[in-house]
Amino acid sequence: MTSEVRIHPTAIIEDDVSLGSGTSVWDNAHIRHGSQLGEQCIVGGKSYIAYDVRIGNRVKINAMAYICYGVTIEDGVMISAGTIFTNDQFPRATTPDLAELRSSGPDEETHDTIVRAGATIGAGAIIGNNLEIGRFAMVGMGSVVTRSVPDFHLVVGNPARSVGCVCRCGPRLASWSAGEIVSLASLMCEHCGAEYRVNQGQVIELSPATISTTES
């Protein structure tokens, strides 16, 4: 595994940005000052990462993603193309009298968002603020997320609602009606053999996957 950091000549990397070994930043991406990216990350072309964003190891950010201030992304997350994060609860361009532009810096209406390890956010999704995307959760493409997503849940729609749960390796384990709170005694992933149960909507991992990691 290479430890080289690769930065496309057209990318903009501001001062005080930390890039871990093996990370690649592609064409016309812009990473603002103070942001930290871990090892083996990919930042796709034309993506924007605001100042002081924290990103873990082995995170894939596809093309044209917008990741604003206040976002934290843990290890192994997939951010698909065209994903947009938000952080302002009551966005306005100017002061109430329209006489001055509002500062673009954080204020009392700026809220954080955290994406937990292993989660996937589908293409074109919009992620609200003051919420959490749980471990290995999956957000369907084009969804508008306005509330926190529990671990392993699959959410879709506008506004996004839970319609099932997924294995840490990706495939769906079970389906239910949007917003329904269910309990299921036993679930097994047909792909990797991992076992789960669902208790009043909480997905609990009972045994790990059996798929081994191999290098090509």
N, C-alpha and C. Protein backbone atom coordinates (compact mmCIF):
# COMPACT_ATOMS: atom_id res chain seq x y z
N MET A 1 0.85 -1.19 0.00
CA MET A 1 0.00 0.00 0.00
C MET A 1 0.89 1.24 0.00
N THR A 2 0.68 2.12 -0.96
CA THR A 2 1.51 3.32 -1.06
C THR A 2 1.19 4.30 0.07
N SER A 3 2.24 4.99 0.54
CA SER A 3 2.05 6.02 1.56
C SER A 3 2.04 7.41 0.96
N GLU A 4 2.17 7.48 -0.37
CA GLU A 4 2.25 8.77 -1.05
C GLU A 4 0.89 9.48 -1.03
N VAL A 5 0.93 10.78 -0.74
CA VAL A 5 -0.26 11.62 -0.88
C VAL A 5 -0.28 12.16 -2.29
N ARG A 6 -1.39 11.96 -3.00
CA ARG A 6 -1.50 12.39 -4.39
C ARG A 6 -2.48 13.54 -4.49
N ILE A 7 -2.03 14.64 -5.06
CA ILE A 7 -2.86 15.85 -5.21
C ILE A 7 -2.83 16.27 -6.66
N HIS A 8 -4.00 16.32 -7.30
CA HIS A 8 -4.09 16.74 -8.69
C HIS A 8 -3.64 18.20 -8.81
N PRO A 9 -2.97 18.57 -9.91
CA PRO A 9 -2.46 19.94 -10.05
C PRO A 9 -3.54 21.02 -9.98
N THR A 10 -4.79 20.67 -10.29
CA THR A 10 -5.85 21.69 -10.26
C THR A 10 -6.54 21.78 -8.90
N ALA A 11 -6.22 20.90 -7.98
CA ALA A 11 -6.85 20.93 -6.65
C ALA A 11 -6.32 22.12 -5.85
N ILE A 12 -7.16 22.64 -4.97
CA ILE A 12 -6.78 23.74 -4.08
C ILE A 12 -6.74 23.20 -2.66
N ILE A 13 -5.55 23.21 -2.07
CA ILE A 13 -5.36 22.77 -0.69
C ILE A 13 -4.87 23.98 0.10
N GLU A 14 -5.69 24.50 0.99
CA GLU A 14 -5.31 25.68 1.75
C GLU A 14 -4.32 25.34 2.87
N ASP A 15 -3.85 26.39 3.57
CA ASP A 15 -2.88 26.20 4.64
C ASP A 15 -3.47 25.39 5.78
N ASP A 16 -2.60 24.70 6.49
CA ASP A 16 -2.96 23.98 7.71
C ASP A 16 -3.97 22.86 7.45
N VAL A 17 -3.88 22.24 6.28
CA VAL A 17 -4.68 21.05 5.97
C VAL A 17 -3.81 19.83 6.20
N SER A 18 -4.36 18.81 6.87
CA SER A 18 -3.63 17.57 7.13
C SER A 18 -4.20 16.45 6.28
N LEU A 19 -3.33 15.81 5.48
CA LEU A 19 -3.73 14.69 4.63
C LEU A 19 -2.93 13.46 5.04
N GLY A 20 -3.62 12.38 5.42
CA GLY A 20 -2.94 11.17 5.83
C GLY A 20 -2.30 10.43 4.68
N SER A 21 -1.43 9.50 4.99
CA SER A 21 -0.70 8.76 3.96
C SER A 21 -1.67 7.98 3.08
N GLY A 22 -1.35 7.95 1.78
CA GLY A 22 -2.16 7.23 0.82
C GLY A 22 -3.42 7.94 0.38
N THR A 23 -3.64 9.16 0.83
CA THR A 23 -4.84 9.92 0.45
C THR A 23 -4.65 10.57 -0.92
N SER A 24 -5.74 10.59 -1.71
CA SER A 24 -5.71 11.18 -3.05
C SER A 24 -6.77 12.28 -3.15
N VAL A 25 -6.37 13.41 -3.73
CA VAL A 25 -7.28 14.54 -3.95
C VAL A 25 -7.30 14.82 -5.44
N TRP A 26 -8.49 14.73 -6.08
CA TRP A 26 -8.56 14.79 -7.52
C TRP A 26 -8.93 16.17 -8.05
N ASP A 27 -9.16 16.26 -9.35
CA ASP A 27 -9.18 17.53 -10.07
C ASP A 27 -10.21 18.52 -9.53
N ASN A 28 -9.75 19.76 -9.35
CA ASN A 28 -10.59 20.90 -8.97
C ASN A 28 -11.28 20.73 -7.61
N ALA A 29 -10.85 19.78 -6.81
CA ALA A 29 -11.34 19.71 -5.43
C ALA A 29 -10.75 20.88 -4.63
N HIS A 30 -11.47 21.29 -3.59
CA HIS A 30 -11.04 22.42 -2.76
C HIS A 30 -11.18 22.01 -1.29
N ILE A 31 -10.06 21.99 -0.58
CA ILE A 31 -10.06 21.66 0.84
C ILE A 31 -9.58 22.89 1.61
N ARG A 32 -10.41 23.38 2.51
CA ARG A 32 -10.13 24.65 3.18
C ARG A 32 -9.30 24.44 4.44
N HIS A 33 -8.77 25.56 4.94
CA HIS A 33 -7.80 25.55 6.03
C HIS A 33 -8.32 24.84 7.28
N GLY A 34 -7.41 24.14 7.94
CA GLY A 34 -7.73 23.50 9.20
C GLY A 34 -8.40 22.14 9.10
N SER A 35 -8.73 21.69 7.90
CA SER A 35 -9.38 20.39 7.76
C SER A 35 -8.36 19.26 7.93
N GLN A 36 -8.85 18.13 8.42
CA GLN A 36 -8.00 16.97 8.64
C GLN A 36 -8.61 15.74 7.99
N LEU A 37 -7.84 15.08 7.13
CA LEU A 37 -8.25 13.84 6.48
C LEU A 37 -7.27 12.75 6.87
N GLY A 38 -7.80 11.56 7.18
CA GLY A 38 -6.96 10.46 7.59
C GLY A 38 -6.28 9.75 6.44
N GLU A 39 -5.88 8.52 6.67
CA GLU A 39 -5.14 7.74 5.70
C GLU A 39 -6.06 7.12 4.64
N GLN A 40 -5.52 6.99 3.43
CA GLN A 40 -6.17 6.26 2.33
C GLN A 40 -7.56 6.80 1.99
N CYS A 41 -7.74 8.09 2.09
CA CYS A 41 -9.00 8.71 1.68
C CYS A 41 -8.96 9.07 0.20
N ILE A 42 -10.14 9.21 -0.39
CA ILE A 42 -10.26 9.67 -1.77
C ILE A 42 -11.21 10.87 -1.77
N VAL A 43 -10.75 11.97 -2.35
CA VAL A 43 -11.59 13.15 -2.51
C VAL A 43 -11.81 13.34 -4.00
N GLY A 44 -13.03 13.14 -4.46
CA GLY A 44 -13.35 13.17 -5.88
C GLY A 44 -13.30 14.57 -6.47
N GLY A 45 -13.25 14.62 -7.79
CA GLY A 45 -13.16 15.88 -8.51
C GLY A 45 -14.29 16.85 -8.19
N LYS A 46 -13.94 18.11 -8.06
CA LYS A 46 -14.88 19.21 -7.84
C LYS A 46 -15.60 19.13 -6.49
N SER A 47 -15.10 18.33 -5.58
CA SER A 47 -15.68 18.31 -4.23
C SER A 47 -15.13 19.46 -3.41
N TYR A 48 -15.94 19.89 -2.44
CA TYR A 48 -15.56 21.01 -1.56
C TYR A 48 -15.65 20.55 -0.12
N ILE A 49 -14.56 20.75 0.62
CA ILE A 49 -14.52 20.44 2.05
C ILE A 49 -14.20 21.73 2.78
N ALA A 50 -15.12 22.16 3.63
CA ALA A 50 -14.98 23.45 4.31
C ALA A 50 -13.90 23.39 5.39
N TYR A 51 -13.66 24.52 6.01
CA TYR A 51 -12.60 24.62 7.02
C TYR A 51 -12.96 23.82 8.28
N ASP A 52 -11.91 23.24 8.89
CA ASP A 52 -11.99 22.53 10.16
C ASP A 52 -12.86 21.27 10.13
N VAL A 53 -13.14 20.74 8.96
CA VAL A 53 -13.86 19.46 8.86
C VAL A 53 -12.92 18.34 9.29
N ARG A 54 -13.47 17.34 9.98
CA ARG A 54 -12.69 16.19 10.44
C ARG A 54 -13.17 14.93 9.71
N ILE A 55 -12.23 14.25 9.05
CA ILE A 55 -12.53 13.06 8.25
C ILE A 55 -11.56 11.95 8.65
N GLY A 56 -12.08 10.76 8.89
CA GLY A 56 -11.28 9.64 9.36
C GLY A 56 -10.50 8.95 8.25
N ASN A 57 -10.17 7.70 8.47
CA ASN A 57 -9.37 6.91 7.53
C ASN A 57 -10.27 6.16 6.54
N ARG A 58 -9.75 5.96 5.33
CA ARG A 58 -10.41 5.15 4.30
C ARG A 58 -11.82 5.63 4.02
N VAL A 59 -11.96 6.92 3.88
CA VAL A 59 -13.24 7.55 3.52
C VAL A 59 -13.23 7.85 2.02
N LYS A 60 -14.31 7.47 1.32
CA LYS A 60 -14.44 7.76 -0.10
C LYS A 60 -15.44 8.90 -0.29
N ILE A 61 -14.97 9.98 -0.88
CA ILE A 61 -15.82 11.13 -1.19
C ILE A 61 -15.84 11.26 -2.71
N ASN A 62 -16.96 10.98 -3.32
CA ASN A 62 -17.04 11.01 -4.77
C ASN A 62 -17.18 12.45 -5.28
N ALA A 63 -17.30 12.59 -6.59
CA ALA A 63 -17.26 13.91 -7.23
C ALA A 63 -18.40 14.82 -6.76
N MET A 64 -18.08 16.10 -6.69
CA MET A 64 -19.05 17.17 -6.49
C MET A 64 -19.80 17.08 -5.17
N ALA A 65 -19.15 16.54 -4.15
CA ALA A 65 -19.74 16.55 -2.81
C ALA A 65 -19.44 17.90 -2.15
N TYR A 66 -20.38 18.34 -1.29
CA TYR A 66 -20.21 19.58 -0.54
C TYR A 66 -20.28 19.24 0.94
N ILE A 67 -19.16 19.40 1.63
CA ILE A 67 -19.06 19.05 3.05
C ILE A 67 -18.74 20.33 3.82
N CYS A 68 -19.71 20.81 4.58
CA CYS A 68 -19.59 22.13 5.20
C CYS A 68 -18.94 22.06 6.58
N TYR A 69 -18.66 23.23 7.12
CA TYR A 69 -18.13 23.35 8.47
C TYR A 69 -19.07 22.66 9.46
N GLY A 70 -18.48 22.01 10.47
CA GLY A 70 -19.27 21.35 11.50
C GLY A 70 -19.53 19.89 11.24
N VAL A 71 -19.04 19.37 10.11
CA VAL A 71 -19.25 17.95 9.78
C VAL A 71 -18.05 17.13 10.24
N THR A 72 -18.32 16.02 10.89
CA THR A 72 -17.30 15.03 11.25
C THR A 72 -17.67 13.70 10.59
N ILE A 73 -16.70 13.10 9.92
CA ILE A 73 -16.93 11.83 9.22
C ILE A 73 -15.94 10.81 9.76
N GLU A 74 -16.45 9.71 10.30
CA GLU A 74 -15.59 8.69 10.89
C GLU A 74 -15.05 7.75 9.81
N ASP A 75 -14.32 6.71 10.24
CA ASP A 75 -13.62 5.81 9.33
C ASP A 75 -14.59 5.05 8.41
N GLY A 76 -14.11 4.77 7.20
CA GLY A 76 -14.78 3.85 6.30
C GLY A 76 -16.11 4.30 5.74
N VAL A 77 -16.34 5.60 5.69
CA VAL A 77 -17.62 6.13 5.20
C VAL A 77 -17.56 6.35 3.69
N MET A 78 -18.69 6.10 3.02
CA MET A 78 -18.85 6.41 1.60
C MET A 78 -19.76 7.63 1.46
N ILE A 79 -19.24 8.70 0.83
CA ILE A 79 -20.02 9.88 0.50
C ILE A 79 -20.15 9.90 -1.02
N SER A 80 -21.33 9.59 -1.53
CA SER A 80 -21.49 9.44 -2.98
C SER A 80 -21.60 10.79 -3.68
N ALA A 81 -21.54 10.75 -5.00
CA ALA A 81 -21.47 11.96 -5.82
C ALA A 81 -22.67 12.88 -5.57
N GLY A 82 -22.38 14.16 -5.48
CA GLY A 82 -23.43 15.16 -5.37
C GLY A 82 -24.06 15.29 -4.00
N THR A 83 -23.51 14.65 -2.99
CA THR A 83 -24.04 14.78 -1.62
C THR A 83 -23.82 16.21 -1.12
N ILE A 84 -24.82 16.75 -0.41
CA ILE A 84 -24.73 18.09 0.15
C ILE A 84 -25.02 18.03 1.64
N PHE A 85 -24.10 18.56 2.44
CA PHE A 85 -24.33 18.73 3.88
C PHE A 85 -24.73 20.18 4.15
N THR A 86 -25.48 20.39 5.22
CA THR A 86 -25.88 21.74 5.63
C THR A 86 -25.56 21.93 7.11
N ASN A 87 -25.46 23.20 7.53
CA ASN A 87 -25.14 23.43 8.95
C ASN A 87 -25.86 24.62 9.58
N ASP A 88 -26.65 25.35 8.81
CA ASP A 88 -27.28 26.57 9.32
C ASP A 88 -28.77 26.31 9.56
N GLN A 89 -29.21 26.51 10.80
CA GLN A 89 -30.59 26.23 11.15
C GLN A 89 -31.57 27.22 10.52
N PHE A 90 -31.16 28.49 10.48
CA PHE A 90 -32.03 29.54 9.92
C PHE A 90 -31.22 30.39 8.95
N PRO A 91 -30.93 29.87 7.76
CA PRO A 91 -30.02 30.56 6.85
C PRO A 91 -30.61 31.85 6.27
N ARG A 92 -29.85 32.93 6.36
CA ARG A 92 -30.17 34.20 5.72
C ARG A 92 -28.89 34.77 5.13
N ALA A 93 -29.02 35.47 4.01
CA ALA A 93 -27.85 36.08 3.38
C ALA A 93 -27.40 37.35 4.09
N THR A 94 -28.37 38.10 4.67
CA THR A 94 -28.05 39.41 5.23
C THR A 94 -28.62 39.55 6.64
N THR A 95 -28.28 40.68 7.26
CA THR A 95 -28.93 41.07 8.51
C THR A 95 -30.40 41.38 8.21
N PRO A 96 -31.27 41.42 9.23
CA PRO A 96 -32.71 41.62 8.99
C PRO A 96 -33.06 42.89 8.22
N ASP A 97 -32.22 43.95 8.36
CA ASP A 97 -32.51 45.19 7.64
C ASP A 97 -31.96 45.18 6.22
N LEU A 98 -31.36 44.05 5.81
CA LEU A 98 -30.78 43.86 4.46
C LEU A 98 -29.60 44.77 4.18
N ALA A 99 -29.06 45.39 5.22
CA ALA A 99 -27.98 46.37 5.04
C ALA A 99 -26.60 45.74 4.96
N GLU A 100 -26.43 44.55 5.54
CA GLU A 100 -25.10 43.93 5.58
C GLU A 100 -25.22 42.44 5.34
N LEU A 101 -24.20 41.90 4.70
CA LEU A 101 -24.11 40.45 4.57
C LEU A 101 -23.84 39.83 5.93
N ARG A 102 -24.48 38.71 6.20
CA ARG A 102 -24.14 37.96 7.40
C ARG A 102 -22.77 37.33 7.25
N SER A 103 -22.07 37.21 8.35
CA SER A 103 -20.78 36.53 8.33
C SER A 103 -20.96 35.08 7.92
N SER A 104 -20.00 34.57 7.19
CA SER A 104 -20.05 33.16 6.79
C SER A 104 -19.47 32.25 7.87
N GLY A 105 -18.98 32.84 8.95
CA GLY A 105 -18.43 32.06 10.05
C GLY A 105 -19.53 31.47 10.91
N PRO A 106 -19.18 30.52 11.78
CA PRO A 106 -20.19 29.88 12.64
C PRO A 106 -20.77 30.84 13.66
N ASP A 107 -22.04 30.63 14.00
CA ASP A 107 -22.68 31.41 15.05
C ASP A 107 -23.61 30.48 15.82
N GLU A 108 -24.53 31.06 16.62
CA GLU A 108 -25.39 30.23 17.45
C GLU A 108 -26.36 29.36 16.66
N GLU A 109 -26.53 29.66 15.37
CA GLU A 109 -27.43 28.86 14.53
C GLU A 109 -26.70 27.80 13.72
N THR A 110 -25.38 27.67 13.93
CA THR A 110 -24.59 26.68 13.23
C THR A 110 -24.56 25.39 14.04
N HIS A 111 -24.93 24.27 13.42
CA HIS A 111 -25.03 23.01 14.14
C HIS A 111 -24.16 21.94 13.48
N ASP A 112 -23.70 21.01 14.31
CA ASP A 112 -22.81 19.95 13.84
C ASP A 112 -23.59 18.76 13.31
N THR A 113 -22.91 17.97 12.49
CA THR A 113 -23.42 16.69 12.01
C THR A 113 -22.29 15.69 12.08
N ILE A 114 -22.58 14.47 12.49
CA ILE A 114 -21.57 13.42 12.52
C ILE A 114 -22.04 12.21 11.74
N VAL A 115 -21.14 11.67 10.93
CA VAL A 115 -21.42 10.45 10.16
C VAL A 115 -20.54 9.35 10.76
N ARG A 116 -21.18 8.35 11.35
CA ARG A 116 -20.45 7.31 12.06
C ARG A 116 -19.81 6.30 11.11
N ALA A 117 -18.90 5.51 11.66
CA ALA A 117 -18.06 4.60 10.88
C ALA A 117 -18.88 3.66 10.00
N GLY A 118 -18.43 3.49 8.77
CA GLY A 118 -19.01 2.50 7.86
C GLY A 118 -20.28 2.91 7.15
N ALA A 119 -20.81 4.10 7.44
CA ALA A 119 -22.07 4.53 6.82
C ALA A 119 -21.88 4.83 5.34
N THR A 120 -22.99 4.76 4.60
CA THR A 120 -23.01 5.13 3.18
C THR A 120 -24.08 6.17 2.95
N ILE A 121 -23.73 7.24 2.24
CA ILE A 121 -24.70 8.26 1.84
C ILE A 121 -24.80 8.23 0.33
N GLY A 122 -25.99 7.96 -0.19
CA GLY A 122 -26.20 7.78 -1.62
C GLY A 122 -26.10 9.05 -2.42
N ALA A 123 -25.96 8.90 -3.72
CA ALA A 123 -25.76 10.03 -4.63
C ALA A 123 -26.90 11.03 -4.54
N GLY A 124 -26.54 12.30 -4.50
CA GLY A 124 -27.53 13.37 -4.53
C GLY A 124 -28.31 13.55 -3.25
N ALA A 125 -27.90 12.92 -2.17
CA ALA A 125 -28.60 13.08 -0.89
C ALA A 125 -28.29 14.46 -0.29
N ILE A 126 -29.25 14.97 0.48
CA ILE A 126 -29.07 16.22 1.21
C ILE A 126 -29.18 15.89 2.70
N ILE A 127 -28.18 16.30 3.46
CA ILE A 127 -28.11 15.96 4.87
C ILE A 127 -28.31 17.21 5.71
N GLY A 128 -29.36 17.20 6.52
CA GLY A 128 -29.62 18.32 7.41
C GLY A 128 -28.56 18.43 8.50
N ASN A 129 -28.81 19.35 9.44
CA ASN A 129 -27.82 19.57 10.50
C ASN A 129 -28.37 19.19 11.86
N ASN A 130 -27.46 19.17 12.83
CA ASN A 130 -27.83 18.82 14.20
C ASN A 130 -28.38 17.40 14.26
N LEU A 131 -27.69 16.48 13.56
CA LEU A 131 -28.12 15.08 13.54
C LEU A 131 -26.93 14.15 13.39
N GLU A 132 -27.22 12.86 13.46
CA GLU A 132 -26.19 11.82 13.38
C GLU A 132 -26.63 10.73 12.41
N ILE A 133 -25.71 10.32 11.54
CA ILE A 133 -25.90 9.16 10.67
C ILE A 133 -25.19 8.00 11.34
N GLY A 134 -25.91 6.94 11.72
CA GLY A 134 -25.36 5.88 12.54
C GLY A 134 -24.38 4.97 11.83
N ARG A 135 -23.74 4.11 12.60
CA ARG A 135 -22.76 3.15 12.10
C ARG A 135 -23.39 2.25 11.04
N PHE A 136 -22.73 2.13 9.91
CA PHE A 136 -23.13 1.24 8.81
C PHE A 136 -24.56 1.51 8.33
N ALA A 137 -25.11 2.66 8.66
CA ALA A 137 -26.40 3.05 8.10
C ALA A 137 -26.25 3.33 6.61
N MET A 138 -27.38 3.34 5.90
CA MET A 138 -27.35 3.61 4.47
C MET A 138 -28.46 4.60 4.12
N VAL A 139 -28.06 5.70 3.47
CA VAL A 139 -29.01 6.73 3.04
C VAL A 139 -29.20 6.56 1.53
N GLY A 140 -30.43 6.34 1.09
CA GLY A 140 -30.71 6.13 -0.32
C GLY A 140 -30.45 7.36 -1.16
N MET A 141 -30.17 7.15 -2.43
CA MET A 141 -29.86 8.26 -3.32
C MET A 141 -31.03 9.24 -3.40
N GLY A 142 -30.69 10.52 -3.41
CA GLY A 142 -31.69 11.56 -3.53
C GLY A 142 -32.49 11.83 -2.27
N SER A 143 -32.18 11.17 -1.18
CA SER A 143 -32.93 11.35 0.06
C SER A 143 -32.61 12.69 0.72
N VAL A 144 -33.57 13.19 1.49
CA VAL A 144 -33.39 14.42 2.26
C VAL A 144 -33.50 14.03 3.74
N VAL A 145 -32.36 14.05 4.43
CA VAL A 145 -32.30 13.57 5.80
C VAL A 145 -32.51 14.73 6.76
N THR A 146 -33.57 14.69 7.54
CA THR A 146 -33.92 15.77 8.45
C THR A 146 -33.86 15.33 9.91
N ARG A 147 -33.59 14.06 10.16
CA ARG A 147 -33.48 13.56 11.53
C ARG A 147 -32.39 12.49 11.57
N SER A 148 -31.91 12.18 12.76
CA SER A 148 -30.84 11.20 12.91
C SER A 148 -31.25 9.83 12.40
N VAL A 149 -30.26 9.08 11.91
CA VAL A 149 -30.47 7.74 11.36
C VAL A 149 -29.79 6.73 12.29
N PRO A 150 -30.51 5.73 12.81
CA PRO A 150 -29.89 4.75 13.71
C PRO A 150 -28.89 3.84 12.98
N ASP A 151 -28.04 3.19 13.75
CA ASP A 151 -27.08 2.23 13.22
C ASP A 151 -27.78 1.19 12.35
N PHE A 152 -27.18 0.88 11.21
CA PHE A 152 -27.60 -0.18 10.29
C PHE A 152 -28.95 0.07 9.60
N HIS A 153 -29.58 1.20 9.83
CA HIS A 153 -30.88 1.46 9.20
C HIS A 153 -30.70 1.93 7.75
N LEU A 154 -31.66 1.58 6.90
CA LEU A 154 -31.76 2.07 5.53
C LEU A 154 -32.86 3.12 5.50
N VAL A 155 -32.52 4.34 5.08
CA VAL A 155 -33.53 5.39 4.99
C VAL A 155 -33.60 5.91 3.55
N VAL A 156 -34.83 6.23 3.12
CA VAL A 156 -35.04 6.75 1.76
C VAL A 156 -36.14 7.81 1.81
N GLY A 157 -36.16 8.66 0.78
CA GLY A 157 -37.28 9.56 0.59
C GLY A 157 -37.03 10.98 1.05
N ASN A 158 -38.08 11.80 0.90
CA ASN A 158 -38.05 13.22 1.30
C ASN A 158 -39.35 13.54 2.05
N PRO A 159 -39.25 13.67 3.38
CA PRO A 159 -38.07 13.46 4.22
C PRO A 159 -37.75 11.97 4.35
N ALA A 160 -36.48 11.67 4.60
CA ALA A 160 -36.04 10.28 4.66
C ALA A 160 -36.65 9.56 5.86
N ARG A 161 -37.11 8.33 5.62
CA ARG A 161 -37.68 7.50 6.67
C ARG A 161 -37.07 6.09 6.58
N SER A 162 -36.97 5.44 7.71
CA SER A 162 -36.41 4.09 7.75
C SER A 162 -37.36 3.10 7.09
N VAL A 163 -36.81 2.30 6.17
CA VAL A 163 -37.61 1.27 5.48
C VAL A 163 -36.99 -0.12 5.61
N GLY A 164 -35.98 -0.24 6.46
CA GLY A 164 -35.34 -1.54 6.64
C GLY A 164 -33.98 -1.38 7.28
N CYS A 165 -33.23 -2.49 7.28
CA CYS A 165 -31.88 -2.45 7.82
C CYS A 165 -30.94 -3.21 6.90
N VAL A 166 -29.65 -2.91 7.02
CA VAL A 166 -28.63 -3.48 6.14
C VAL A 166 -27.50 -4.07 6.97
N CYS A 167 -26.80 -5.02 6.35
CA CYS A 167 -25.60 -5.61 6.95
C CYS A 167 -24.43 -4.65 6.84
N ARG A 168 -23.43 -4.86 7.66
CA ARG A 168 -22.23 -4.03 7.55
C ARG A 168 -21.54 -4.24 6.19
N CYS A 169 -21.81 -5.36 5.50
CA CYS A 169 -21.23 -5.56 4.18
C CYS A 169 -22.09 -4.96 3.07
N GLY A 170 -23.29 -4.46 3.40
CA GLY A 170 -24.07 -3.71 2.42
C GLY A 170 -25.47 -4.19 2.12
N PRO A 171 -25.72 -5.50 1.85
CA PRO A 171 -27.05 -5.95 1.44
C PRO A 171 -28.12 -5.73 2.51
N ARG A 172 -29.37 -5.62 2.03
CA ARG A 172 -30.49 -5.43 2.94
C ARG A 172 -30.76 -6.72 3.71
N LEU A 173 -31.03 -6.57 5.01
CA LEU A 173 -31.35 -7.70 5.87
C LEU A 173 -32.85 -7.89 6.04
N ALA A 174 -33.58 -6.79 6.12
CA ALA A 174 -35.02 -6.84 6.36
C ALA A 174 -35.65 -5.54 5.87
N SER A 175 -36.94 -5.61 5.57
CA SER A 175 -37.70 -4.45 5.13
C SER A 175 -38.90 -4.25 6.04
N TRP A 176 -39.33 -2.99 6.18
CA TRP A 176 -40.55 -2.67 6.91
C TRP A 176 -41.16 -1.40 6.36
N SER A 177 -42.36 -1.11 6.77
CA SER A 177 -43.04 0.11 6.31
C SER A 177 -42.32 1.34 6.85
N ALA A 178 -42.38 2.41 6.09
CA ALA A 178 -41.66 3.63 6.46
C ALA A 178 -42.04 4.07 7.87
N GLY A 179 -41.03 4.21 8.71
CA GLY A 179 -41.24 4.69 10.06
C GLY A 179 -41.71 3.65 11.06
N GLU A 180 -41.99 2.43 10.60
CA GLU A 180 -42.48 1.37 11.49
C GLU A 180 -41.38 0.96 12.47
N ILE A 181 -41.75 0.71 13.72
CA ILE A 181 -40.80 0.24 14.73
C ILE A 181 -41.04 -1.26 14.92
N VAL A 182 -40.04 -2.05 14.59
CA VAL A 182 -40.23 -3.51 14.57
C VAL A 182 -39.24 -4.19 15.51
N SER A 183 -39.55 -5.45 15.82
CA SER A 183 -38.63 -6.33 16.54
C SER A 183 -38.54 -7.65 15.76
N LEU A 184 -37.32 -8.11 15.55
CA LEU A 184 -37.08 -9.35 14.82
C LEU A 184 -36.03 -10.15 15.59
N ALA A 185 -36.35 -11.40 15.90
CA ALA A 185 -35.50 -12.18 16.78
C ALA A 185 -34.17 -12.55 16.15
N SER A 186 -34.18 -12.82 14.84
CA SER A 186 -32.95 -13.31 14.22
C SER A 186 -32.91 -12.93 12.74
N LEU A 187 -31.78 -12.40 12.32
CA LEU A 187 -31.52 -12.09 10.92
C LEU A 187 -30.12 -12.56 10.58
N MET A 188 -29.95 -13.11 9.38
CA MET A 188 -28.62 -13.51 8.93
C MET A 188 -28.38 -12.97 7.53
N CYS A 189 -27.23 -12.40 7.32
CA CYS A 189 -26.88 -11.91 5.99
C CYS A 189 -26.52 -13.09 5.09
N GLU A 190 -27.20 -13.20 3.96
CA GLU A 190 -26.94 -14.29 3.04
C GLU A 190 -25.59 -14.17 2.35
N HIS A 191 -25.04 -12.95 2.38
CA HIS A 191 -23.77 -12.72 1.68
C HIS A 191 -22.56 -13.07 2.54
N CYS A 192 -22.57 -12.61 3.82
CA CYS A 192 -21.37 -12.80 4.65
C CYS A 192 -21.61 -13.65 5.90
N GLY A 193 -22.87 -13.96 6.22
CA GLY A 193 -23.16 -14.80 7.37
C GLY A 193 -23.27 -14.09 8.69
N ALA A 194 -23.11 -12.77 8.72
CA ALA A 194 -23.24 -12.03 9.97
C ALA A 194 -24.67 -12.13 10.49
N GLU A 195 -24.82 -12.15 11.81
CA GLU A 195 -26.13 -12.32 12.44
C GLU A 195 -26.52 -11.07 13.23
N TYR A 196 -27.81 -10.78 13.21
CA TYR A 196 -28.34 -9.59 13.86
C TYR A 196 -29.69 -9.91 14.48
N ARG A 197 -30.15 -9.00 15.35
CA ARG A 197 -31.55 -8.99 15.75
C ARG A 197 -31.99 -7.53 15.86
N VAL A 198 -33.30 -7.33 15.84
CA VAL A 198 -33.85 -5.99 15.92
C VAL A 198 -34.77 -5.93 17.14
N ASN A 199 -34.48 -5.00 18.04
CA ASN A 199 -35.26 -4.84 19.26
C ASN A 199 -35.86 -3.44 19.28
N GLN A 200 -37.18 -3.35 19.01
CA GLN A 200 -37.87 -2.07 18.99
C GLN A 200 -37.14 -1.05 18.12
N GLY A 201 -36.72 -1.50 16.94
CA GLY A 201 -36.08 -0.63 15.98
C GLY A 201 -34.57 -0.54 16.10
N GLN A 202 -34.02 -1.01 17.21
CA GLN A 202 -32.57 -0.98 17.38
C GLN A 202 -31.95 -2.24 16.78
N VAL A 203 -31.04 -2.06 15.82
CA VAL A 203 -30.39 -3.20 15.18
C VAL A 203 -29.15 -3.57 15.98
N ILE A 204 -29.09 -4.82 16.42
CA ILE A 204 -28.00 -5.29 17.28
C ILE A 204 -27.20 -6.35 16.53
N GLU A 205 -25.91 -6.15 16.45
CA GLU A 205 -25.03 -7.09 15.77
C GLU A 205 -24.68 -8.22 16.73
N LEU A 206 -25.00 -9.47 16.33
CA LEU A 206 -24.77 -10.62 17.20
C LEU A 206 -23.45 -11.33 16.91
N SER A 207 -23.07 -11.39 15.64
CA SER A 207 -21.81 -12.04 15.28
C SER A 207 -21.21 -11.31 14.09
N PRO A 208 -19.90 -11.31 13.99
CA PRO A 208 -19.24 -10.58 12.89
C PRO A 208 -19.36 -11.30 11.57
N ALA A 209 -19.09 -10.54 10.50
CA ALA A 209 -19.06 -11.13 9.16
C ALA A 209 -17.90 -12.10 9.04
N THR A 210 -18.03 -13.06 8.11
CA THR A 210 -16.98 -14.04 7.90
C THR A 210 -16.17 -13.77 6.65
N ILE A 211 -16.50 -12.68 5.93
CA ILE A 211 -15.73 -12.36 4.73
C ILE A 211 -14.34 -11.87 5.13
N SER A 212 -13.31 -12.45 4.54
CA SER A 212 -11.95 -12.02 4.85
C SER A 212 -11.50 -10.97 3.85
N THR A 213 -10.54 -10.16 4.29
CA THR A 213 -10.00 -9.11 3.42
C THR A 213 -8.81 -9.67 2.66
N THR A 214 -8.82 -9.56 1.36
CA THR A 214 -7.69 -10.02 0.55
C THR A 214 -7.20 -8.89 -0.32
N GLU A 215 -5.94 -8.88 -0.59
CA GLU A 215 -5.34 -7.87 -1.44
C GLU A 215 -5.19 -8.42 -2.86
N SER A 216 -5.56 -7.59 -3.82
CA SER A 216 -5.42 -8.02 -5.22
C SER A 216 -4.00 -7.77 -5.68
